[in-house]
Amino acid sequence: MTVVTLVISFFPSSKLTAADNRVYQIVLIVCFIVSMAAPLIIYSNRHRWSSNGKATGDEK
């Protein structure tokens, strides 16, 4: 589903005005940033959800 959405995003509607096209691009950029930042934020907070206070894989 994500790959299909990515492919569709390369072809904006031909009915968009210049202002609408700018909004379309801004929405795509914001969604891209959120989708890239979310896993990093979750990964950085993983120690908060573990039962012993340490993240999984940190035992050395």
C-alpha atoms as a PDB file:
ATOM      1  CA  MET A   1       0.000   0.000   0.000  1.00  0.00           C
ATOM      2  CA  THR A   2       2.803   2.440   0.812  1.00  0.00           C
ATOM      3  CA  VAL A   3       4.542   1.861  -2.513  1.00  0.00           C
ATOM      4  CA  VAL A   4       1.292   2.476  -4.392  1.00  0.00           C
ATOM      5  CA  THR A   5       0.733   5.695  -2.442  1.00  0.00           C
ATOM      6  CA  LEU A   6       4.265   6.820  -3.226  1.00  0.00           C
ATOM      7  CA  VAL A   7       3.789   6.183  -6.945  1.00  0.00           C
ATOM      8  CA  ILE A   8       0.436   8.005  -6.982  1.00  0.00           C
ATOM      9  CA  SER A   9       1.969  11.007  -5.204  1.00  0.00           C
ATOM     10  CA  PHE A  10       4.298  11.588  -8.168  1.00  0.00           C
ATOM     11  CA  PHE A  11       1.288  12.350 -10.381  1.00  0.00           C
ATOM     12  CA  PRO A  12      -0.781  15.188  -8.895  1.00  0.00           C
ATOM     13  CA  SER A  13      -4.188  15.966 -10.308  1.00  0.00           C
ATOM     14  CA  SER A  14      -4.134  18.057 -13.473  1.00  0.00           C
ATOM     15  CA  LYS A  15      -6.958  20.204 -12.061  1.00  0.00           C
ATOM     16  CA  LEU A  16      -4.746  21.747  -9.374  1.00  0.00           C
ATOM     17  CA  THR A  17      -4.094  25.460  -9.569  1.00  0.00           C
ATOM     18  CA  ALA A  18      -0.650  26.855  -8.773  1.00  0.00           C
ATOM     19  CA  ALA A  19      -1.675  27.584  -5.173  1.00  0.00           C
ATOM     20  CA  ASP A  20      -3.270  24.162  -4.751  1.00  0.00           C
ATOM     21  CA  ASN A  21      -0.162  22.542  -6.179  1.00  0.00           C
ATOM     22  CA  ARG A  22       1.949  24.327  -3.552  1.00  0.00           C
ATOM     23  CA  VAL A  23      -0.354  23.082  -0.772  1.00  0.00           C
ATOM     24  CA  TYR A  24      -0.149  19.561  -2.255  1.00  0.00           C
ATOM     25  CA  GLN A  25       3.651  19.685  -2.136  1.00  0.00           C
ATOM     26  CA  ILE A  26       3.691  21.004   1.434  1.00  0.00           C
ATOM     27  CA  VAL A  27       1.338  18.221   2.569  1.00  0.00           C
ATOM     28  CA  LEU A  28       3.576  15.615   0.898  1.00  0.00           C
ATOM     29  CA  ILE A  29       6.693  17.032   2.572  1.00  0.00           C
ATOM     30  CA  VAL A  30       5.068  17.187   6.018  1.00  0.00           C
ATOM     31  CA  CYS A  31       3.761  13.614   5.691  1.00  0.00           C
ATOM     32  CA  PHE A  32       7.208  12.441   4.591  1.00  0.00           C
ATOM     33  CA  ILE A  33       8.888  14.097   7.573  1.00  0.00           C
ATOM     34  CA  VAL A  34       6.336  12.652  10.006  1.00  0.00           C
ATOM     35  CA  SER A  35       6.656   9.160   8.519  1.00  0.00           C
ATOM     36  CA  MET A  36      10.447   9.321   8.785  1.00  0.00           C
ATOM     37  CA  ALA A  37      10.515  10.822  12.290  1.00  0.00           C
ATOM     38  CA  ALA A  38       7.923   8.557  13.934  1.00  0.00           C
ATOM     39  CA  PRO A  39      10.069   5.382  13.966  1.00  0.00           C
ATOM     40  CA  LEU A  40      13.064   7.328  15.269  1.00  0.00           C
ATOM     41  CA  ILE A  41      11.012   8.822  18.097  1.00  0.00           C
ATOM     42  CA  ILE A  42       9.583   5.413  18.988  1.00  0.00           C
ATOM     43  CA  TYR A  43      13.065   3.868  18.905  1.00  0.00           C
ATOM     44  CA  SER A  44      14.523   6.579  21.137  1.00  0.00           C
ATOM     45  CA  ASN A  45      11.773   6.011  23.726  1.00  0.00           C
ATOM     46  CA  ARG A  46      11.888   2.201  23.724  1.00  0.00           C
ATOM     47  CA  HIS A  47      13.524   2.041  27.174  1.00  0.00           C
ATOM     48  CA  ARG A  48      10.450   3.631  28.757  1.00  0.00           C
ATOM     49  CA  TRP A  49       8.250   0.683  27.798  1.00  0.00           C
ATOM     50  CA  SER A  50      10.512  -2.152  28.918  1.00  0.00           C
ATOM     51  CA  SER A  51       9.838  -3.742  32.311  1.00  0.00           C
ATOM     52  CA  ASN A  52      13.409  -3.468  33.639  1.00  0.00           C
ATOM     53  CA  GLY A  53      14.151   0.056  32.392  1.00  0.00           C
ATOM     54  CA  LYS A  54      16.592  -1.127  29.738  1.00  0.00           C
ATOM     55  CA  ALA A  55      15.880  -1.423  26.061  1.00  0.00           C
ATOM     56  CA  THR A  56      15.834  -4.843  24.474  1.00  0.00           C
ATOM     57  CA  GLY A  57      19.242  -5.709  23.093  1.00  0.00           C
ATOM     58  CA  ASP A  58      21.123  -3.415  25.475  1.00  0.00           C
ATOM     59  CA  GLU A  59      22.217  -6.219  27.820  1.00  0.00           C
ATOM     60  CA  LYS A  60      26.019  -6.424  27.731  1.00  0.00           C
END
